[in-house]
């Protein structure tokens, strides 16, 4: 599963009502454009941390704005 697919799985896990909007998810898209608030975003990150067996620092998390930012974070986690 590539990073974007993993992120899409996290979106659905947190908010199944967003599944119809997954086709629109692209790296340049801001997370808030999908209608996810900060709580939903943190739940999505928690899902990713669990699946990747890692923990992202708060310093890194405050800079996440787009799905591309999140993809980069997941990629870095996977590549060590």
N, C-alpha and C. Protein backbone atom coordinates (compact mmCIF):
# COMPACT_ATOMS: atom_id res chain seq x y z
N UNK A 1 0.86 -1.18 0.00
CA UNK A 1 0.00 0.00 0.00
C UNK A 1 0.89 1.24 0.00
N UNK A 2 0.70 2.12 -0.97
CA UNK A 2 1.52 3.33 -0.99
C UNK A 2 1.03 4.32 0.05
N UNK A 3 1.76 5.39 0.25
CA UNK A 3 1.46 6.35 1.31
C UNK A 3 0.10 7.00 1.13
N UNK A 4 -0.24 7.37 -0.09
CA UNK A 4 -1.54 8.02 -0.32
C UNK A 4 -2.68 7.05 -0.03
N UNK A 5 -2.53 5.80 -0.41
CA UNK A 5 -3.56 4.80 -0.13
C UNK A 5 -3.72 4.60 1.38
N UNK A 6 -2.61 4.60 2.11
CA UNK A 6 -2.66 4.47 3.56
C UNK A 6 -3.38 5.67 4.18
N UNK A 7 -3.11 6.85 3.67
CA UNK A 7 -3.78 8.06 4.17
C UNK A 7 -5.27 8.00 3.87
N UNK A 8 -5.63 7.53 2.69
CA UNK A 8 -7.05 7.38 2.36
C UNK A 8 -7.73 6.38 3.30
N UNK A 9 -7.04 5.31 3.63
CA UNK A 9 -7.59 4.33 4.59
C UNK A 9 -7.79 4.99 5.95
N UNK A 10 -6.87 5.85 6.33
CA UNK A 10 -6.98 6.56 7.61
C UNK A 10 -8.18 7.50 7.59
N UNK A 11 -8.40 8.17 6.47
CA UNK A 11 -9.54 9.08 6.35
C UNK A 11 -10.85 8.31 6.57
N UNK A 12 -10.98 7.19 5.90
CA UNK A 12 -12.20 6.39 6.01
C UNK A 12 -12.36 5.82 7.42
N UNK A 13 -11.25 5.43 8.04
CA UNK A 13 -11.31 4.89 9.40
C UNK A 13 -11.83 5.94 10.39
N UNK A 14 -11.42 7.19 10.16
CA UNK A 14 -11.81 8.28 11.06
C UNK A 14 -13.21 8.80 10.73
N UNK A 15 -13.52 8.90 9.45
CA UNK A 15 -14.80 9.47 9.03
C UNK A 15 -15.29 8.75 7.77
N UNK A 16 -16.02 7.66 7.94
CA UNK A 16 -16.49 6.88 6.79
C UNK A 16 -17.32 7.69 5.78
N UNK A 17 -17.92 8.78 6.22
CA UNK A 17 -18.72 9.60 5.30
C UNK A 17 -17.86 10.28 4.24
N UNK A 18 -16.56 10.32 4.44
CA UNK A 18 -15.64 10.95 3.48
C UNK A 18 -15.25 10.00 2.35
N UNK A 19 -15.67 8.74 2.40
CA UNK A 19 -15.23 7.76 1.40
C UNK A 19 -15.62 8.17 -0.02
N UNK A 20 -16.71 8.88 -0.17
CA UNK A 20 -17.13 9.31 -1.52
C UNK A 20 -16.26 10.43 -2.06
N UNK A 21 -15.44 11.03 -1.22
CA UNK A 21 -14.58 12.15 -1.63
C UNK A 21 -13.12 11.74 -1.83
N UNK A 22 -12.81 10.46 -1.65
CA UNK A 22 -11.42 10.02 -1.72
C UNK A 22 -10.77 10.25 -3.07
N UNK A 23 -11.54 10.19 -4.14
CA UNK A 23 -10.97 10.39 -5.47
C UNK A 23 -10.38 11.79 -5.62
N UNK A 24 -10.90 12.75 -4.86
CA UNK A 24 -10.42 14.13 -4.94
C UNK A 24 -9.13 14.36 -4.16
N UNK A 25 -8.78 13.43 -3.28
CA UNK A 25 -7.60 13.61 -2.44
C UNK A 25 -6.34 13.54 -3.30
N UNK A 26 -5.57 14.62 -3.25
CA UNK A 26 -4.33 14.73 -4.02
C UNK A 26 -3.29 15.43 -3.14
N UNK A 27 -2.01 15.24 -3.44
CA UNK A 27 -0.96 15.82 -2.60
C UNK A 27 -1.09 17.33 -2.38
N UNK A 28 -1.52 18.06 -3.39
CA UNK A 28 -1.59 19.52 -3.25
C UNK A 28 -2.83 20.00 -2.48
N UNK A 29 -3.75 19.11 -2.20
CA UNK A 29 -5.00 19.47 -1.51
C UNK A 29 -4.75 19.69 -0.03
N UNK A 30 -5.32 20.77 0.50
CA UNK A 30 -5.23 21.01 1.93
C UNK A 30 -6.19 20.07 2.65
N UNK A 31 -5.77 19.57 3.79
CA UNK A 31 -6.58 18.61 4.55
C UNK A 31 -7.94 19.21 4.89
N UNK A 32 -7.97 20.48 5.24
CA UNK A 32 -9.24 21.11 5.63
C UNK A 32 -10.23 21.19 4.47
N UNK A 33 -9.72 21.16 3.22
CA UNK A 33 -10.60 21.18 2.05
C UNK A 33 -11.49 19.95 1.98
N UNK A 34 -11.08 18.88 2.63
CA UNK A 34 -11.87 17.66 2.66
C UNK A 34 -12.96 17.74 3.72
N UNK A 35 -12.92 18.81 4.51
CA UNK A 35 -13.91 18.98 5.56
C UNK A 35 -13.51 18.33 6.87
N UNK A 36 -12.23 18.10 7.03
CA UNK A 36 -11.73 17.49 8.28
C UNK A 36 -11.25 18.59 9.21
N UNK A 37 -11.78 18.58 10.43
CA UNK A 37 -11.34 19.56 11.41
C UNK A 37 -10.06 19.06 12.10
N UNK A 38 -9.57 19.84 13.05
CA UNK A 38 -8.30 19.48 13.69
C UNK A 38 -8.42 18.19 14.49
N UNK A 39 -9.56 17.93 15.08
CA UNK A 39 -9.74 16.70 15.85
C UNK A 39 -9.70 15.49 14.91
N UNK A 40 -10.40 15.57 13.80
CA UNK A 40 -10.40 14.47 12.83
C UNK A 40 -9.01 14.27 12.25
N UNK A 41 -8.30 15.35 12.02
CA UNK A 41 -6.93 15.26 11.50
C UNK A 41 -6.03 14.54 12.50
N UNK A 42 -6.17 14.88 13.77
CA UNK A 42 -5.34 14.22 14.79
C UNK A 42 -5.71 12.73 14.92
N UNK A 43 -6.99 12.41 14.76
CA UNK A 43 -7.39 11.00 14.79
C UNK A 43 -6.79 10.26 13.59
N UNK A 44 -6.77 10.93 12.44
CA UNK A 44 -6.19 10.33 11.24
C UNK A 44 -4.69 10.08 11.46
N UNK A 45 -4.01 11.04 12.05
CA UNK A 45 -2.58 10.89 12.33
C UNK A 45 -2.36 9.75 13.33
N UNK A 46 -3.23 9.64 14.32
CA UNK A 46 -3.13 8.54 15.28
C UNK A 46 -3.26 7.19 14.59
N UNK A 47 -4.16 7.10 13.64
CA UNK A 47 -4.32 5.87 12.85
C UNK A 47 -3.02 5.56 12.11
N UNK A 48 -2.44 6.58 11.47
CA UNK A 48 -1.20 6.38 10.73
C UNK A 48 -0.05 5.97 11.66
N UNK A 49 0.03 6.61 12.82
CA UNK A 49 1.07 6.25 13.78
C UNK A 49 0.95 4.78 14.20
N UNK A 50 -0.28 4.35 14.42
CA UNK A 50 -0.50 2.96 14.81
C UNK A 50 -0.10 2.00 13.69
N UNK A 51 -0.50 2.30 12.47
CA UNK A 51 -0.19 1.42 11.34
C UNK A 51 1.30 1.39 11.03
N UNK A 52 1.98 2.51 11.26
CA UNK A 52 3.40 2.61 10.95
C UNK A 52 4.29 2.30 12.16
N UNK A 53 3.66 2.06 13.30
CA UNK A 53 4.37 1.78 14.54
C UNK A 53 5.41 2.87 14.83
N UNK A 54 4.92 4.10 14.85
CA UNK A 54 5.78 5.26 15.09
C UNK A 54 4.99 6.33 15.82
N UNK A 55 5.67 7.40 16.17
CA UNK A 55 5.00 8.55 16.75
C UNK A 55 5.61 9.80 16.14
N UNK A 56 4.76 10.68 15.67
CA UNK A 56 5.21 11.93 15.06
C UNK A 56 5.26 13.01 16.13
N UNK A 57 6.30 13.84 16.08
CA UNK A 57 6.45 14.90 17.07
C UNK A 57 5.44 16.02 16.83
N UNK A 58 5.12 16.73 17.89
CA UNK A 58 4.20 17.87 17.78
C UNK A 58 4.78 18.94 16.86
N UNK A 59 6.10 19.11 16.90
CA UNK A 59 6.74 20.12 16.06
C UNK A 59 6.50 19.83 14.58
N UNK A 60 6.54 18.57 14.23
CA UNK A 60 6.29 18.17 12.84
C UNK A 60 4.81 18.32 12.51
N UNK A 61 3.98 17.92 13.44
CA UNK A 61 2.54 17.91 13.18
C UNK A 61 1.96 19.29 12.94
N UNK A 62 2.47 20.31 13.59
CA UNK A 62 1.90 21.64 13.42
C UNK A 62 2.16 22.21 12.02
N UNK A 63 3.09 21.61 11.29
CA UNK A 63 3.39 22.08 9.94
C UNK A 63 2.60 21.35 8.85
N UNK A 64 1.82 20.36 9.22
CA UNK A 64 1.06 19.59 8.23
C UNK A 64 -0.16 20.40 7.79
N UNK A 65 -0.20 20.74 6.52
CA UNK A 65 -1.32 21.49 5.95
C UNK A 65 -1.99 20.73 4.80
N UNK A 66 -1.16 20.08 3.99
CA UNK A 66 -1.68 19.40 2.80
C UNK A 66 -1.50 17.89 2.91
N UNK A 67 -2.17 17.18 2.03
CA UNK A 67 -1.97 15.73 2.00
C UNK A 67 -0.55 15.41 1.55
N UNK A 68 0.05 16.27 0.74
CA UNK A 68 1.45 16.10 0.34
C UNK A 68 2.39 16.15 1.54
N UNK A 69 2.10 17.07 2.47
CA UNK A 69 2.90 17.14 3.71
C UNK A 69 2.79 15.82 4.46
N UNK A 70 1.58 15.30 4.52
CA UNK A 70 1.34 14.05 5.24
C UNK A 70 2.00 12.87 4.52
N UNK A 71 1.96 12.87 3.20
CA UNK A 71 2.63 11.82 2.42
C UNK A 71 4.13 11.83 2.71
N UNK A 72 4.72 13.02 2.72
CA UNK A 72 6.16 13.13 3.02
C UNK A 72 6.49 12.58 4.39
N UNK A 73 5.63 12.88 5.35
CA UNK A 73 5.83 12.39 6.71
C UNK A 73 5.76 10.87 6.76
N UNK A 74 4.77 10.30 6.10
CA UNK A 74 4.63 8.84 6.06
C UNK A 74 5.83 8.21 5.35
N UNK A 75 6.22 8.80 4.23
CA UNK A 75 7.38 8.27 3.50
C UNK A 75 8.64 8.28 4.35
N UNK A 76 8.87 9.38 5.08
CA UNK A 76 10.05 9.47 5.95
C UNK A 76 9.99 8.41 7.04
N UNK A 77 8.81 8.19 7.56
CA UNK A 77 8.65 7.19 8.61
C UNK A 77 8.95 5.79 8.08
N UNK A 78 8.51 5.53 6.88
CA UNK A 78 8.73 4.21 6.28
C UNK A 78 10.19 3.98 5.90
N UNK A 79 10.88 5.05 5.52
CA UNK A 79 12.26 4.93 5.05
C UNK A 79 13.28 5.13 6.15
N UNK A 80 12.79 5.38 7.36
CA UNK A 80 13.69 5.53 8.50
C UNK A 80 14.38 6.83 8.47
